[in-house]
Amino acid sequence: MEVALLANGGSPLLGEPPPIELGNTSYAARGRPREGLQNAEHLAAWLRDMRPRLAVPLGDADLREVTDGDLRAARELRDVIRALAAAAVDGRDPDAATVAALNRHAGQAPRWRELRTDPEPHVAVRTTGRPVEAAIAGLAEEAVELFAGPLRRELRACPGPGCVLYFVRDTSRREWCSAGCGNRARAARHYAKVRQADQG
């Protein structure tokens, strides 16, 4: 799987479930921690790139109205998702406060589906909150489903050198978050063998 980078903010997009994509906005480049949501504009860019995969439809006008409060909420949800992912990968129970924080985010902006018939029958998502708030709450709801469901058992932390990303293993052969991490790990193993042979 190839890593796609956002135009603004630089967070990797790996094709993972949206909550894991949000968790991966805290990433590393060359082993150094990076913040993919540095400001509200970066969050708007991330939401724009994720728009087709979000449960709540967002228009361009909605994305122009991303606030610093939205940024704080997204970062907090991101950190909660990373903590839950770490617990799942380590095979331990998540912290009760972390679970409570996820549930609080999931209940922020109630939304529902309505039937619309014009021009033909289709589903419209409605919300009582601002669309960006509803999108963040929708990501939290998806995280609830992920951490309560069978995908939790397939969640992995990438073992690539310096990588801090999570991924859902979709095949039994998948070991890395991306082909790039796999290539770097193989190159590092090869280099270590060559060094060991030279020293031996």
C-alpha atoms as a PDB file:
ATOM      1  CA  MET A   1       0.000   0.000   0.000  1.00  0.00           C
ATOM      2  CA  GLU A   2       1.493   3.344  -0.988  1.00  0.00           C
ATOM      3  CA  VAL A   3       1.440   6.358   1.287  1.00  0.00           C
ATOM      4  CA  ALA A   4      -0.389   9.380  -0.085  1.00  0.00           C
ATOM      5  CA  LEU A   5       0.475  12.731   1.485  1.00  0.00           C
ATOM      6  CA  LEU A   6      -1.844  15.637   1.976  1.00  0.00           C
ATOM      7  CA  ALA A   7      -1.054  18.856   0.157  1.00  0.00           C
ATOM      8  CA  ASN A   8      -1.378  20.822   3.412  1.00  0.00           C
ATOM      9  CA  GLY A   9      -0.186  19.446   6.725  1.00  0.00           C
ATOM     10  CA  GLY A  10       1.588  16.460   5.220  1.00  0.00           C
ATOM     11  CA  SER A  11      -0.239  13.711   7.133  1.00  0.00           C
ATOM     12  CA  PRO A  12      -0.058  10.312   5.469  1.00  0.00           C
ATOM     13  CA  LEU A  13      -3.224   8.741   4.080  1.00  0.00           C
ATOM     14  CA  LEU A  14      -2.965   4.971   3.852  1.00  0.00           C
ATOM     15  CA  GLY A  15      -6.513   3.910   2.960  1.00  0.00           C
ATOM     16  CA  GLU A  16      -7.171   2.794   6.533  1.00  0.00           C
ATOM     17  CA  PRO A  17     -10.521   3.180   8.319  1.00  0.00           C
ATOM     18  CA  PRO A  18     -11.131   6.911   8.869  1.00  0.00           C
ATOM     19  CA  PRO A  19     -10.524   6.829  12.662  1.00  0.00           C
ATOM     20  CA  ILE A  20      -7.097   5.235  12.080  1.00  0.00           C
ATOM     21  CA  GLU A  21      -6.378   7.843   9.399  1.00  0.00           C
ATOM     22  CA  LEU A  22      -7.122  10.518  12.031  1.00  0.00           C
ATOM     23  CA  GLY A  23      -4.870   8.721  14.533  1.00  0.00           C
ATOM     24  CA  ASN A  24      -2.112   8.719  11.931  1.00  0.00           C
ATOM     25  CA  THR A  25      -2.104  12.529  11.708  1.00  0.00           C
ATOM     26  CA  SER A  26       0.493  12.176  14.466  1.00  0.00           C
ATOM     27  CA  TYR A  27       3.294  10.594  12.448  1.00  0.00           C
ATOM     28  CA  ALA A  28       7.069  10.490  12.030  1.00  0.00           C
ATOM     29  CA  ALA A  29       9.258  11.565   9.142  1.00  0.00           C
ATOM     30  CA  ARG A  30      12.767  10.146   9.175  1.00  0.00           C
ATOM     31  CA  GLY A  31      12.146   9.044  12.751  1.00  0.00           C
ATOM     32  CA  ARG A  32      11.150  12.526  13.936  1.00  0.00           C
ATOM     33  CA  PRO A  33       7.658  13.167  15.345  1.00  0.00           C
ATOM     34  CA  ARG A  34       5.437  15.331  13.144  1.00  0.00           C
ATOM     35  CA  GLU A  35       2.106  17.040  13.758  1.00  0.00           C
ATOM     36  CA  GLY A  36      -0.171  16.738  10.741  1.00  0.00           C
ATOM     37  CA  LEU A  37      -2.828  18.993  12.269  1.00  0.00           C
ATOM     38  CA  GLN A  38      -0.746  22.052  13.054  1.00  0.00           C
ATOM     39  CA  ASN A  39      -3.603  24.494  12.574  1.00  0.00           C
ATOM     40  CA  ALA A  40      -7.236  24.778  11.506  1.00  0.00           C
ATOM     41  CA  GLU A  41      -6.207  25.007   7.833  1.00  0.00           C
ATOM     42  CA  HIS A  42      -4.444  21.640   8.098  1.00  0.00           C
ATOM     43  CA  LEU A  43      -7.574  20.111   9.644  1.00  0.00           C
ATOM     44  CA  ALA A  44      -9.673  21.577   6.819  1.00  0.00           C
ATOM     45  CA  ALA A  45      -7.257  20.095   4.250  1.00  0.00           C
ATOM     46  CA  TRP A  46      -7.378  16.693   5.979  1.00  0.00           C
ATOM     47  CA  LEU A  47     -11.193  16.777   6.067  1.00  0.00           C
ATOM     48  CA  ARG A  48     -11.244  17.816   2.387  1.00  0.00           C
ATOM     49  CA  ASP A  49      -9.066  14.839   1.426  1.00  0.00           C
ATOM     50  CA  MET A  50     -11.135  12.494   3.622  1.00  0.00           C
ATOM     51  CA  ARG A  51     -14.482  13.958   2.486  1.00  0.00           C
ATOM     52  CA  PRO A  52     -15.560  10.964   0.331  1.00  0.00           C
ATOM     53  CA  ARG A  53     -14.993   8.603   3.269  1.00  0.00           C
ATOM     54  CA  LEU A  54     -16.641  10.632   6.065  1.00  0.00           C
ATOM     55  CA  ALA A  55     -20.073   9.707   7.438  1.00  0.00           C
ATOM     56  CA  VAL A  56     -21.178  13.366   7.382  1.00  0.00           C
ATOM     57  CA  PRO A  57     -21.077  15.200   4.036  1.00  0.00           C
ATOM     58  CA  LEU A  58     -18.979  18.375   4.097  1.00  0.00           C
ATOM     59  CA  GLY A  59     -19.150  21.150   1.535  1.00  0.00           C
ATOM     60  CA  ASP A  60     -16.481  23.714   0.725  1.00  0.00           C
ATOM     61  CA  ALA A  61     -18.301  26.319   2.816  1.00  0.00           C
ATOM     62  CA  ASP A  62     -18.203  23.968   5.823  1.00  0.00           C
ATOM     63  CA  LEU A  63     -14.462  23.500   5.413  1.00  0.00           C
ATOM     64  CA  ARG A  64     -13.879  27.261   5.328  1.00  0.00           C
ATOM     65  CA  GLU A  65     -15.491  27.442   8.775  1.00  0.00           C
ATOM     66  CA  VAL A  66     -13.105  25.048  10.593  1.00  0.00           C
ATOM     67  CA  THR A  67     -12.241  26.696  13.924  1.00  0.00           C
ATOM     68  CA  ASP A  68      -9.493  26.369  16.493  1.00  0.00           C
ATOM     69  CA  GLY A  69     -12.108  24.647  18.678  1.00  0.00           C
ATOM     70  CA  ASP A  70     -12.601  22.048  15.908  1.00  0.00           C
ATOM     71  CA  LEU A  71      -8.829  21.621  15.789  1.00  0.00           C
ATOM     72  CA  ARG A  72      -8.662  21.021  19.567  1.00  0.00           C
ATOM     73  CA  ALA A  73     -11.498  18.478  19.340  1.00  0.00           C
ATOM     74  CA  ALA A  74      -9.883  16.653  16.394  1.00  0.00           C
ATOM     75  CA  ARG A  75      -6.498  16.503  18.136  1.00  0.00           C
ATOM     76  CA  GLU A  76      -8.067  15.247  21.352  1.00  0.00           C
ATOM     77  CA  LEU A  77     -10.009  12.582  19.435  1.00  0.00           C
ATOM     78  CA  ARG A  78      -6.825  11.687  17.546  1.00  0.00           C
ATOM     79  CA  ASP A  79      -4.935  11.181  20.834  1.00  0.00           C
ATOM     80  CA  VAL A  80      -7.802   9.085  22.236  1.00  0.00           C
ATOM     81  CA  ILE A  81      -7.764   6.897  19.102  1.00  0.00           C
ATOM     82  CA  ARG A  82      -3.986   6.445  19.368  1.00  0.00           C
ATOM     83  CA  ALA A  83      -4.300   5.460  23.035  1.00  0.00           C
ATOM     84  CA  LEU A  84      -7.036   2.939  22.216  1.00  0.00           C
ATOM     85  CA  ALA A  85      -4.998   1.585  19.294  1.00  0.00           C
ATOM     86  CA  ALA A  86      -1.929   1.164  21.522  1.00  0.00           C
ATOM     87  CA  ALA A  87      -4.010  -0.725  24.099  1.00  0.00           C
ATOM     88  CA  ALA A  88      -5.520  -2.967  21.405  1.00  0.00           C
ATOM     89  CA  VAL A  89      -2.118  -3.719  19.850  1.00  0.00           C
ATOM     90  CA  ASP A  90      -0.616  -4.452  23.285  1.00  0.00           C
ATOM     91  CA  GLY A  91      -3.556  -6.700  24.199  1.00  0.00           C
ATOM     92  CA  ARG A  92      -4.526  -4.696  27.280  1.00  0.00           C
ATOM     93  CA  ASP A  93      -7.741  -3.089  28.439  1.00  0.00           C
ATOM     94  CA  PRO A  94      -8.046   0.595  27.542  1.00  0.00           C
ATOM     95  CA  ASP A  95      -8.003   3.213  30.270  1.00  0.00           C
ATOM     96  CA  ALA A  96     -11.515   4.096  31.507  1.00  0.00           C
ATOM     97  CA  ALA A  97     -10.888   7.827  31.043  1.00  0.00           C
ATOM     98  CA  THR A  98      -9.875   7.231  27.421  1.00  0.00           C
ATOM     99  CA  VAL A  99     -13.048   5.253  26.757  1.00  0.00           C
ATOM    100  CA  ALA A 100     -15.121   8.011  28.392  1.00  0.00           C
ATOM    101  CA  ALA A 101     -13.422  10.635  26.198  1.00  0.00           C
ATOM    102  CA  LEU A 102     -14.223   8.634  23.044  1.00  0.00           C
ATOM    103  CA  ASN A 103     -17.861   8.272  24.085  1.00  0.00           C
ATOM    104  CA  ARG A 104     -18.087  11.999  24.828  1.00  0.00           C
ATOM    105  CA  HIS A 105     -16.799  12.817  21.336  1.00  0.00           C
ATOM    106  CA  ALA A 106     -19.222  10.342  19.742  1.00  0.00           C
ATOM    107  CA  GLY A 107     -22.179  12.086  21.384  1.00  0.00           C
ATOM    108  CA  GLN A 108     -21.234  15.659  20.426  1.00  0.00           C
ATOM    109  CA  ALA A 109     -23.379  16.250  17.356  1.00  0.00           C
ATOM    110  CA  PRO A 110     -26.353  13.931  16.922  1.00  0.00           C
ATOM    111  CA  ARG A 111     -27.071  13.047  13.320  1.00  0.00           C
ATOM    112  CA  TRP A 112     -29.627  10.977  11.501  1.00  0.00           C
ATOM    113  CA  ARG A 113     -30.540   9.828   7.996  1.00  0.00           C
ATOM    114  CA  GLU A 114     -33.585  11.059   6.143  1.00  0.00           C
ATOM    115  CA  LEU A 115     -35.227   9.817   2.985  1.00  0.00           C
ATOM    116  CA  ARG A 116     -35.351  12.400   0.198  1.00  0.00           C
ATOM    117  CA  THR A 117     -37.286  11.797  -2.994  1.00  0.00           C
ATOM    118  CA  ASP A 118     -36.280  14.691  -5.236  1.00  0.00           C
ATOM    119  CA  PRO A 119     -34.965  14.205  -7.888  1.00  0.00           C
ATOM    120  CA  GLU A 120     -35.071  10.492  -7.008  1.00  0.00           C
ATOM    121  CA  PRO A 121     -35.046   8.556  -3.711  1.00  0.00           C
ATOM    122  CA  HIS A 122     -31.797   9.029  -1.774  1.00  0.00           C
ATOM    123  CA  VAL A 123     -30.503   9.306   1.779  1.00  0.00           C
ATOM    124  CA  ALA A 124     -29.584  12.684   3.252  1.00  0.00           C
ATOM    125  CA  VAL A 125     -27.565  12.972   6.459  1.00  0.00           C
ATOM    126  CA  ARG A 126     -28.886  15.641   8.822  1.00  0.00           C
ATOM    127  CA  THR A 127     -27.307  16.951  12.011  1.00  0.00           C
ATOM    128  CA  THR A 128     -28.176  19.226  14.896  1.00  0.00           C
ATOM    129  CA  GLY A 129     -24.625  20.587  15.073  1.00  0.00           C
ATOM    130  CA  ARG A 130     -22.225  22.344  12.749  1.00  0.00           C
ATOM    131  CA  PRO A 131     -21.168  20.017   9.910  1.00  0.00           C
ATOM    132  CA  VAL A 132     -17.492  19.940  11.003  1.00  0.00           C
ATOM    133  CA  GLU A 133     -18.519  19.081  14.584  1.00  0.00           C
ATOM    134  CA  ALA A 134     -20.789  16.371  13.205  1.00  0.00           C
ATOM    135  CA  ALA A 135     -17.945  14.995  11.058  1.00  0.00           C
ATOM    136  CA  ILE A 136     -15.633  14.781  14.088  1.00  0.00           C
ATOM    137  CA  ALA A 137     -18.411  13.126  16.116  1.00  0.00           C
ATOM    138  CA  GLY A 138     -18.958  10.736  13.190  1.00  0.00           C
ATOM    139  CA  LEU A 139     -15.262   9.791  13.288  1.00  0.00           C
ATOM    140  CA  ALA A 140     -15.656   9.070  17.001  1.00  0.00           C
ATOM    141  CA  GLU A 141     -18.689   6.871  16.291  1.00  0.00           C
ATOM    142  CA  GLU A 142     -16.669   4.951  13.712  1.00  0.00           C
ATOM    143  CA  ALA A 143     -13.881   4.557  16.285  1.00  0.00           C
ATOM    144  CA  VAL A 144     -16.427   3.090  18.726  1.00  0.00           C
ATOM    145  CA  GLU A 145     -17.391   0.521  16.069  1.00  0.00           C
ATOM    146  CA  LEU A 146     -13.750  -0.229  15.234  1.00  0.00           C
ATOM    147  CA  PHE A 147     -12.582  -0.749  18.834  1.00  0.00           C
ATOM    148  CA  ALA A 148     -15.697  -2.759  19.753  1.00  0.00           C
ATOM    149  CA  GLY A 149     -15.650  -4.932  16.639  1.00  0.00           C
ATOM    150  CA  PRO A 150     -13.558  -7.617  14.959  1.00  0.00           C
ATOM    151  CA  LEU A 151     -11.200  -5.147  13.213  1.00  0.00           C
ATOM    152  CA  ARG A 152      -9.698  -4.390  16.628  1.00  0.00           C
ATOM    153  CA  ARG A 153      -7.947  -7.785  16.466  1.00  0.00           C
ATOM    154  CA  GLU A 154      -6.368  -6.884  13.119  1.00  0.00           C
ATOM    155  CA  LEU A 155      -5.010  -3.515  14.281  1.00  0.00           C
ATOM    156  CA  ARG A 156      -1.210  -3.312  14.148  1.00  0.00           C
ATOM    157  CA  ALA A 157       1.507  -0.798  14.972  1.00  0.00           C
ATOM    158  CA  CYS A 158       3.915  -0.521  12.051  1.00  0.00           C
ATOM    159  CA  PRO A 159       7.290  -2.056  12.996  1.00  0.00           C
ATOM    160  CA  GLY A 160       9.090   0.028  10.365  1.00  0.00           C
ATOM    161  CA  PRO A 161      12.177   1.902  11.575  1.00  0.00           C
ATOM    162  CA  GLY A 162      11.008   5.128  13.219  1.00  0.00           C
ATOM    163  CA  CYS A 163       7.375   4.629  12.135  1.00  0.00           C
ATOM    164  CA  VAL A 164       4.562   5.406  14.591  1.00  0.00           C
ATOM    165  CA  LEU A 165       1.580   4.667  12.324  1.00  0.00           C
ATOM    166  CA  TYR A 166      -1.210   2.160  12.882  1.00  0.00           C
ATOM    167  CA  PHE A 167      -2.892   0.033  10.253  1.00  0.00           C
ATOM    168  CA  VAL A 168      -5.548  -2.643   9.975  1.00  0.00           C
ATOM    169  CA  ARG A 169      -4.032  -5.843   8.610  1.00  0.00           C
ATOM    170  CA  ASP A 170      -6.197  -6.702   5.614  1.00  0.00           C
ATOM    171  CA  THR A 171      -4.214  -9.790   4.560  1.00  0.00           C
ATOM    172  CA  SER A 172      -2.259 -12.298   6.616  1.00  0.00           C
ATOM    173  CA  ARG A 173       0.930 -11.326   4.768  1.00  0.00           C
ATOM    174  CA  ARG A 174       0.742  -7.604   5.508  1.00  0.00           C
ATOM    175  CA  GLU A 175       3.430  -6.536   7.996  1.00  0.00           C
ATOM    176  CA  TRP A 176       3.859  -2.803   7.393  1.00  0.00           C
ATOM    177  CA  CYS A 177       1.736   0.333   7.144  1.00  0.00           C
ATOM    178  CA  SER A 178       3.032   0.898   3.604  1.00  0.00           C
ATOM    179  CA  ALA A 179       5.360  -0.560   1.006  1.00  0.00           C
ATOM    180  CA  GLY A 180       7.809   2.256   1.799  1.00  0.00           C
ATOM    181  CA  CYS A 181       8.128   1.140   5.426  1.00  0.00           C
ATOM    182  CA  GLY A 182       8.609  -2.466   4.310  1.00  0.00           C
ATOM    183  CA  ASN A 183      11.354  -1.421   1.887  1.00  0.00           C
ATOM    184  CA  ARG A 184      13.119   0.650   4.564  1.00  0.00           C
ATOM    185  CA  ALA A 185      12.955  -2.254   7.035  1.00  0.00           C
ATOM    186  CA  ARG A 186      14.379  -4.705   4.485  1.00  0.00           C
ATOM    187  CA  ALA A 187      17.150  -2.238   3.568  1.00  0.00           C
ATOM    188  CA  ALA A 188      17.994  -1.764   7.269  1.00  0.00           C
ATOM    189  CA  ARG A 189      18.177  -5.560   7.786  1.00  0.00           C
ATOM    190  CA  HIS A 190      20.401  -5.920   4.721  1.00  0.00           C
ATOM    191  CA  TYR A 191      22.677  -3.097   5.877  1.00  0.00           C
ATOM    192  CA  ALA A 192      22.936  -4.670   9.363  1.00  0.00           C
ATOM    193  CA  LYS A 193      23.912  -8.066   7.835  1.00  0.00           C
ATOM    194  CA  VAL A 194      26.563  -6.414   5.636  1.00  0.00           C
ATOM    195  CA  ARG A 195      27.962  -4.499   8.611  1.00  0.00           C
ATOM    196  CA  GLN A 196      28.010  -7.650  10.745  1.00  0.00           C
ATOM    197  CA  ALA A 197      29.817  -9.575   7.976  1.00  0.00           C
ATOM    198  CA  ASP A 198      32.375  -6.755   7.591  1.00  0.00           C
ATOM    199  CA  GLN A 199      33.031  -6.722  11.338  1.00  0.00           C
ATOM    200  CA  GLY A 200      33.199 -10.549  11.566  1.00  0.00           C
END
